[in-house]
PDB file of all heavy atoms in Angstrom:
ATOM      1  N   GLN A   1      -1.293  -1.028  -0.881  1.00  0.00           N
ATOM      2  CA  GLN A   1      -1.557   0.088   0.068  1.00  0.00           C
ATOM      3  C   GLN A   1      -0.205   0.426   0.711  1.00  0.00           C
ATOM      4  O   GLN A   1       0.421  -0.396   1.368  1.00  0.00           O
ATOM      5  CB  GLN A   1      -2.562  -0.330   1.154  1.00  0.00           C
ATOM      6  CG  GLN A   1      -2.812   0.738   2.160  1.00  0.00           C
ATOM      7  CD  GLN A   1      -3.266   0.143   3.514  1.00  0.00           C
ATOM      8  OE1 GLN A   1      -2.683  -0.783   4.015  1.00  0.00           O
ATOM      9  NE2 GLN A   1      -4.353   0.718   4.075  1.00  0.00           N
ATOM     10  N   VAL A   2       0.223   1.647   0.520  1.00  0.00           N
ATOM     11  CA  VAL A   2       1.472   2.135   1.101  1.00  0.00           C
ATOM     12  C   VAL A   2       1.164   3.133   2.181  1.00  0.00           C
ATOM     13  O   VAL A   2       0.455   4.152   1.968  1.00  0.00           O
ATOM     14  CB  VAL A   2       2.367   2.837   0.038  1.00  0.00           C
ATOM     15  CG1 VAL A   2       3.578   3.474   0.683  1.00  0.00           C
ATOM     16  CG2 VAL A   2       2.867   1.778  -1.007  1.00  0.00           C
ATOM     17  N   GLU A   3       1.629   2.824   3.376  1.00  0.00           N
ATOM     18  CA  GLU A   3       1.425   3.702   4.543  1.00  0.00           C
ATOM     19  C   GLU A   3       2.589   4.699   4.628  1.00  0.00           C
ATOM     20  O   GLU A   3       3.766   4.283   4.860  1.00  0.00           O
ATOM     21  CB  GLU A   3       1.304   2.867   5.839  1.00  0.00           C
ATOM     22  CG  GLU A   3       0.069   2.023   5.867  1.00  0.00           C
ATOM     23  CD  GLU A   3      -0.138   1.325   7.166  1.00  0.00           C
ATOM     24  OE1 GLU A   3       0.892   0.942   7.804  1.00  0.00           O
ATOM     25  OE2 GLU A   3      -1.274   1.101   7.597  1.00  0.00           O
ATOM     26  N   ILE A   4       2.293   5.953   4.460  1.00  0.00           N
ATOM     27  CA  ILE A   4       3.321   6.995   4.480  1.00  0.00           C
ATOM     28  C   ILE A   4       3.645   7.335   5.949  1.00  0.00           C
ATOM     29  O   ILE A   4       2.746   7.703   6.707  1.00  0.00           O
ATOM     30  CB  ILE A   4       2.843   8.249   3.750  1.00  0.00           C
ATOM     31  CG1 ILE A   4       2.669   7.914   2.266  1.00  0.00           C
ATOM     32  CG2 ILE A   4       3.849   9.402   3.915  1.00  0.00           C
ATOM     33  CD1 ILE A   4       2.124   9.097   1.418  1.00  0.00           C
ATOM     34  N   CYS A   5       4.924   7.189   6.320  1.00  0.00           N
ATOM     35  CA  CYS A   5       5.394   7.497   7.651  1.00  0.00           C
ATOM     36  C   CYS A   5       4.442   6.906   8.727  1.00  0.00           C
ATOM     37  O   CYS A   5       3.804   7.636   9.488  1.00  0.00           O
ATOM     38  CB  CYS A   5       5.568   8.994   7.856  1.00  0.00           C
ATOM     39  SG  CYS A   5       6.691   9.777   6.708  1.00  0.00           S
ATOM     40  N   PRO A   6       4.314   5.566   8.754  1.00  0.00           N
ATOM     41  CA  PRO A   6       3.340   4.924   9.644  1.00  0.00           C
ATOM     42  C   PRO A   6       3.464   5.232  11.127  1.00  0.00           C
ATOM     43  O   PRO A   6       2.498   5.134  11.887  1.00  0.00           O
ATOM     44  CB  PRO A   6       3.486   3.444   9.346  1.00  0.00           C
ATOM     45  CG  PRO A   6       4.841   3.319   8.760  1.00  0.00           C
ATOM     46  CD  PRO A   6       5.099   4.575   8.004  1.00  0.00           C
ATOM     47  N   SER A   7       4.624   5.594  11.556  1.00  0.00           N
ATOM     48  CA  SER A   7       4.848   5.851  12.998  1.00  0.00           C
ATOM     49  C   SER A   7       4.655   7.348  13.363  1.00  0.00           C
ATOM     50  O   SER A   7       4.772   7.697  14.510  1.00  0.00           O
ATOM     51  CB  SER A   7       6.234   5.423  13.431  1.00  0.00           C
ATOM     52  OG  SER A   7       7.232   6.161  12.733  1.00  0.00           O
ATOM     53  N   LEU A   8       4.347   8.173  12.373  1.00  0.00           N
ATOM     54  CA  LEU A   8       4.183   9.610  12.630  1.00  0.00           C
ATOM     55  C   LEU A   8       2.756  10.071  12.415  1.00  0.00           C
ATOM     56  O   LEU A   8       2.056   9.551  11.541  1.00  0.00           O
ATOM     57  CB  LEU A   8       5.134  10.409  11.687  1.00  0.00           C
ATOM     58  CG  LEU A   8       6.609  10.094  11.791  1.00  0.00           C
ATOM     59  CD1 LEU A   8       7.374  10.898  10.739  1.00  0.00           C
ATOM     60  CD2 LEU A   8       7.114  10.395  13.175  1.00  0.00           C
ATOM     61  N   GLU A   9       2.332  11.028  13.199  1.00  0.00           N
ATOM     62  CA  GLU A   9       0.981  11.534  13.088  1.00  0.00           C
ATOM     63  C   GLU A   9       0.803  12.529  11.923  1.00  0.00           C
ATOM     64  O   GLU A   9      -0.298  12.733  11.482  1.00  0.00           O
ATOM     65  CB  GLU A   9       0.566  12.238  14.414  1.00  0.00           C
ATOM     66  CG  GLU A   9       0.425  11.257  15.594  1.00  0.00           C
ATOM     67  CD  GLU A   9      -0.047  11.947  16.872  1.00  0.00           C
ATOM     68  OE1 GLU A   9      -0.285  13.181  16.798  1.00  0.00           O
ATOM     69  OE2 GLU A   9      -0.227  11.273  17.883  1.00  0.00           O
ATOM     70  N   ASP A  10       1.908  13.153  11.526  1.00  0.00           N
ATOM     71  CA  ASP A  10       1.817  14.143  10.415  1.00  0.00           C
ATOM     72  C   ASP A  10       2.996  13.944   9.486  1.00  0.00           C
ATOM     73  O   ASP A  10       3.723  14.903   9.260  1.00  0.00           O
ATOM     74  CB  ASP A  10       1.758  15.521  11.010  1.00  0.00           C
ATOM     75  CG  ASP A  10       1.258  16.512   9.966  1.00  0.00           C
ATOM     76  OD1 ASP A  10       0.885  16.111   8.845  1.00  0.00           O
ATOM     77  OD2 ASP A  10       1.252  17.741  10.273  1.00  0.00           O
ATOM     78  N   GLY A  11       3.116  12.743   8.978  1.00  0.00           N
ATOM     79  CA  GLY A  11       4.282  12.471   8.096  1.00  0.00           C
ATOM     80  C   GLY A  11       4.278  13.284   6.792  1.00  0.00           C
ATOM     81  O   GLY A  11       5.357  13.532   6.259  1.00  0.00           O
ATOM     82  N   TRP A  12       3.090  13.682   6.328  1.00  0.00           N
ATOM     83  CA  TRP A  12       3.055  14.458   5.078  1.00  0.00           C
ATOM     84  C   TRP A  12       3.918  15.738   5.168  1.00  0.00           C
ATOM     85  O   TRP A  12       4.618  16.084   4.252  1.00  0.00           O
ATOM     86  CB  TRP A  12       1.629  14.823   4.720  1.00  0.00           C
ATOM     87  CG  TRP A  12       1.546  15.756   3.536  1.00  0.00           C
ATOM     88  CD1 TRP A  12       1.193  17.052   3.540  1.00  0.00           C
ATOM     89  CD2 TRP A  12       1.912  15.437   2.176  1.00  0.00           C
ATOM     90  NE1 TRP A  12       1.274  17.595   2.250  1.00  0.00           N
ATOM     91  CE2 TRP A  12       1.729  16.589   1.411  1.00  0.00           C
ATOM     92  CE3 TRP A  12       2.342  14.242   1.519  1.00  0.00           C
ATOM     93  CZ2 TRP A  12       1.988  16.626   0.049  1.00  0.00           C
ATOM     94  CZ3 TRP A  12       2.595  14.323   0.180  1.00  0.00           C
ATOM     95  CH2 TRP A  12       2.428  15.465  -0.560  1.00  0.00           C
ATOM     96  N   ARG A  13       3.868  16.420   6.295  1.00  0.00           N
ATOM     97  CA  ARG A  13       4.595  17.677   6.429  1.00  0.00           C
ATOM     98  C   ARG A  13       6.104  17.452   6.447  1.00  0.00           C
ATOM     99  O   ARG A  13       6.870  18.396   6.272  1.00  0.00           O
ATOM    100  CB  ARG A  13       4.109  18.419   7.688  1.00  0.00           C
ATOM    101  CG  ARG A  13       2.655  18.751   7.659  1.00  0.00           C
ATOM    102  CD  ARG A  13       2.222  19.733   8.706  1.00  0.00           C
ATOM    103  NE  ARG A  13       0.764  19.926   8.607  1.00  0.00           N
ATOM    104  CZ  ARG A  13       0.206  20.791   7.759  1.00  0.00           C
ATOM    105  NH1 ARG A  13       0.947  21.492   6.956  1.00  0.00           N
ATOM    106  NH2 ARG A  13      -1.090  20.925   7.714  1.00  0.00           N
ATOM    107  N   ILE A  14       6.471  16.178   6.702  1.00  0.00           N
ATOM    108  CA  ILE A  14       7.910  15.879   6.631  1.00  0.00           C
ATOM    109  C   ILE A  14       8.381  15.502   5.249  1.00  0.00           C
ATOM    110  O   ILE A  14       9.457  15.964   4.775  1.00  0.00           O
ATOM    111  CB  ILE A  14       8.229  14.713   7.639  1.00  0.00           C
ATOM    112  CG1 ILE A  14       8.021  15.195   9.054  1.00  0.00           C
ATOM    113  CG2 ILE A  14       9.683  14.237   7.455  1.00  0.00           C
ATOM    114  CD1 ILE A  14       8.160  14.120  10.108  1.00  0.00           C
ATOM    115  N   ILE A  15       7.572  14.721   4.513  1.00  0.00           N
ATOM    116  CA  ILE A  15       8.027  14.226   3.222  1.00  0.00           C
ATOM    117  C   ILE A  15       7.579  15.072   2.059  1.00  0.00           C
ATOM    118  O   ILE A  15       7.968  14.855   0.937  1.00  0.00           O
ATOM    119  CB  ILE A  15       7.541  12.746   3.037  1.00  0.00           C
ATOM    120  CG1 ILE A  15       6.016  12.722   2.947  1.00  0.00           C
ATOM    121  CG2 ILE A  15       8.027  11.828   4.073  1.00  0.00           C
ATOM    122  CD1 ILE A  15       5.467  11.945   1.793  1.00  0.00           C
ATOM    123  N   ARG A  16       6.724  16.090   2.284  1.00  0.00           N
ATOM    124  CA  ARG A  16       6.245  16.895   1.194  1.00  0.00           C
ATOM    125  C   ARG A  16       7.344  17.734   0.548  1.00  0.00           C
ATOM    126  O   ARG A  16       7.258  18.089  -0.666  1.00  0.00           O
ATOM    127  CB  ARG A  16       5.097  17.785   1.641  1.00  0.00           C
ATOM    128  CG  ARG A  16       5.489  18.888   2.612  1.00  0.00           C
ATOM    129  CD  ARG A  16       4.329  19.699   3.049  1.00  0.00           C
ATOM    130  NE  ARG A  16       4.691  20.702   4.077  1.00  0.00           N
ATOM    131  CZ  ARG A  16       3.843  21.537   4.623  1.00  0.00           C
ATOM    132  NH1 ARG A  16       2.597  21.509   4.301  1.00  0.00           N
ATOM    133  NH2 ARG A  16       4.303  22.449   5.503  1.00  0.00           N
ATOM    134  N   ASP A  17       8.340  18.108   1.319  1.00  0.00           N
ATOM    135  CA  ASP A  17       9.425  18.952   0.814  1.00  0.00           C
ATOM    136  C   ASP A  17      10.498  18.068   0.215  1.00  0.00           C
ATOM    137  O   ASP A  17      10.829  17.007   0.735  1.00  0.00           O
ATOM    138  CB  ASP A  17       9.986  19.843   1.913  1.00  0.00           C
ATOM    139  CG  ASP A  17       8.934  20.815   2.455  1.00  0.00           C
ATOM    140  OD1 ASP A  17       8.164  21.306   1.665  1.00  0.00           O
ATOM    141  OD2 ASP A  17       8.955  21.029   3.711  1.00  0.00           O
ATOM    142  N   ALA A  18      11.114  18.552  -0.833  1.00  0.00           N
ATOM    143  CA  ALA A  18      12.168  17.790  -1.535  1.00  0.00           C
ATOM    144  C   ALA A  18      13.356  17.553  -0.616  1.00  0.00           C
ATOM    145  O   ALA A  18      13.751  18.410   0.150  1.00  0.00           O
ATOM    146  CB  ALA A  18      12.617  18.543  -2.755  1.00  0.00           C
ATOM    147  N   SER A  19      13.897  16.317  -0.670  1.00  0.00           N
ATOM    148  CA  SER A  19      15.031  15.930   0.107  1.00  0.00           C
ATOM    149  C   SER A  19      15.985  15.101  -0.750  1.00  0.00           C
ATOM    150  O   SER A  19      15.571  14.135  -1.411  1.00  0.00           O
ATOM    151  CB  SER A  19      14.594  15.126   1.341  1.00  0.00           C
ATOM    152  OG  SER A  19      15.715  14.617   2.045  1.00  0.00           O
ATOM    153  N   GLU A  20      17.276  15.452  -0.707  1.00  0.00           N
ATOM    154  CA  GLU A  20      18.233  14.672  -1.515  1.00  0.00           C
ATOM    155  C   GLU A  20      18.582  13.343  -0.859  1.00  0.00           C
ATOM    156  O   GLU A  20      18.913  12.395  -1.544  1.00  0.00           O
ATOM    157  CB  GLU A  20      19.538  15.508  -1.655  1.00  0.00           C
ATOM    158  CG  GLU A  20      19.381  16.726  -2.525  1.00  0.00           C
ATOM    159  CD  GLU A  20      19.019  16.354  -3.958  1.00  0.00           C
ATOM    160  OE1 GLU A  20      19.494  15.345  -4.424  1.00  0.00           O
ATOM    161  OE2 GLU A  20      18.263  17.148  -4.584  1.00  0.00           O
ATOM    162  N   ASN A  21      18.494  13.260   0.468  1.00  0.00           N
ATOM    163  CA  ASN A  21      19.006  12.099   1.196  1.00  0.00           C
ATOM    164  C   ASN A  21      17.885  11.234   1.776  1.00  0.00           C
ATOM    165  O   ASN A  21      18.187  10.107   2.211  1.00  0.00           O
ATOM    166  CB  ASN A  21      19.943  12.517   2.311  1.00  0.00           C
ATOM    167  CG  ASN A  21      21.127  13.312   1.734  1.00  0.00           C
ATOM    168  OD1 ASN A  21      21.737  12.938   0.754  1.00  0.00           O
ATOM    169  ND2 ASN A  21      21.452  14.423   2.427  1.00  0.00           N
ATOM    170  N   GLU A  22      16.654  11.710   1.824  1.00  0.00           N
ATOM    171  CA  GLU A  22      15.561  10.935   2.415  1.00  0.00           C
ATOM    172  C   GLU A  22      14.369  10.890   1.514  1.00  0.00           C
ATOM    173  O   GLU A  22      14.283  11.647   0.562  1.00  0.00           O
ATOM    174  CB  GLU A  22      15.178  11.570   3.790  1.00  0.00           C
ATOM    175  CG  GLU A  22      16.314  11.515   4.830  1.00  0.00           C
ATOM    176  CD  GLU A  22      15.852  11.961   6.174  1.00  0.00           C
ATOM    177  OE1 GLU A  22      14.935  12.816   6.245  1.00  0.00           O
ATOM    178  OE2 GLU A  22      16.442  11.500   7.219  1.00  0.00           O
ATOM    179  N   LEU A  23      13.451   9.990   1.807  1.00  0.00           N
ATOM    180  CA  LEU A  23      12.249   9.795   1.021  1.00  0.00           C
ATOM    181  C   LEU A  23      11.431  11.085   1.032  1.00  0.00           C
ATOM    182  O   LEU A  23      11.257  11.694   2.090  1.00  0.00           O
ATOM    183  CB  LEU A  23      11.439   8.662   1.595  1.00  0.00           C
ATOM    184  CG  LEU A  23      10.236   8.159   0.802  1.00  0.00           C
ATOM    185  CD1 LEU A  23      10.711   7.331  -0.388  1.00  0.00           C
ATOM    186  CD2 LEU A  23       9.312   7.313   1.648  1.00  0.00           C
ATOM    187  N   ASP A  24      10.937  11.438  -0.132  1.00  0.00           N
ATOM    188  CA  ASP A  24      10.063  12.583  -0.157  1.00  0.00           C
ATOM    189  C   ASP A  24       8.867  12.327  -1.090  1.00  0.00           C
ATOM    190  O   ASP A  24       8.779  11.259  -1.724  1.00  0.00           O
ATOM    191  CB  ASP A  24      10.781  13.894  -0.573  1.00  0.00           C
ATOM    192  CG  ASP A  24      11.428  13.785  -1.967  1.00  0.00           C
ATOM    193  OD1 ASP A  24      10.920  13.033  -2.814  1.00  0.00           O
ATOM    194  OD2 ASP A  24      12.457  14.489  -2.187  1.00  0.00           O
ATOM    195  N   ALA A  25       7.968  13.266  -1.204  1.00  0.00           N
ATOM    196  CA  ALA A  25       6.755  13.089  -2.000  1.00  0.00           C
ATOM    197  C   ALA A  25       7.066  12.843  -3.489  1.00  0.00           C
ATOM    198  O   ALA A  25       6.389  12.088  -4.153  1.00  0.00           O
ATOM    199  CB  ALA A  25       5.838  14.298  -1.891  1.00  0.00           C
ATOM    200  N   ARG A  26       8.134  13.457  -3.992  1.00  0.00           N
ATOM    201  CA  ARG A  26       8.509  13.201  -5.399  1.00  0.00           C
ATOM    202  C   ARG A  26       8.891  11.741  -5.614  1.00  0.00           C
ATOM    203  O   ARG A  26       8.537  11.138  -6.659  1.00  0.00           O
ATOM    204  CB  ARG A  26       9.719  14.090  -5.791  1.00  0.00           C
ATOM    205  CG  ARG A  26       9.418  15.564  -5.842  1.00  0.00           C
ATOM    206  CD  ARG A  26      10.609  16.337  -6.327  1.00  0.00           C
ATOM    207  NE  ARG A  26      11.832  16.007  -5.503  1.00  0.00           N
ATOM    208  CZ  ARG A  26      13.041  16.447  -5.793  1.00  0.00           C
ATOM    209  NH1 ARG A  26      13.271  17.202  -6.818  1.00  0.00           N
ATOM    210  NH2 ARG A  26      14.064  16.122  -5.023  1.00  0.00           N
ATOM    211  N   ASP A  27       9.555  11.154  -4.653  1.00  0.00           N
ATOM    212  CA  ASP A  27       9.950   9.741  -4.771  1.00  0.00           C
ATOM    213  C   ASP A  27       8.676   8.834  -4.784  1.00  0.00           C
ATOM    214  O   ASP A  27       8.582   7.900  -5.607  1.00  0.00           O
ATOM    215  CB  ASP A  27      10.812   9.324  -3.604  1.00  0.00           C
ATOM    216  CG  ASP A  27      12.170  10.073  -3.563  1.00  0.00           C
ATOM    217  OD1 ASP A  27      12.684  10.347  -4.600  1.00  0.00           O
ATOM    218  OD2 ASP A  27      12.585  10.412  -2.420  1.00  0.00           O
ATOM    219  N   LEU A  28       7.748   9.154  -3.903  1.00  0.00           N
ATOM    220  CA  LEU A  28       6.528   8.370  -3.827  1.00  0.00           C
ATOM    221  C   LEU A  28       5.684   8.518  -5.061  1.00  0.00           C
ATOM    222  O   LEU A  28       5.100   7.549  -5.578  1.00  0.00           O
ATOM    223  CB  LEU A  28       5.707   8.731  -2.591  1.00  0.00           C
ATOM    224  CG  LEU A  28       6.352   8.387  -1.225  1.00  0.00           C
ATOM    225  CD1 LEU A  28       5.554   8.950  -0.084  1.00  0.00           C
ATOM    226  CD2 LEU A  28       6.448   6.865  -1.102  1.00  0.00           C
TER     227      LEU A  28
END
């Protein structure tokens, strides 16, 4: 079980967009 952005209430809206330097949905 992987918790996406466990400290954030809406982490999906942060990681859904592609990012070269940070974790994103493509990485997961």
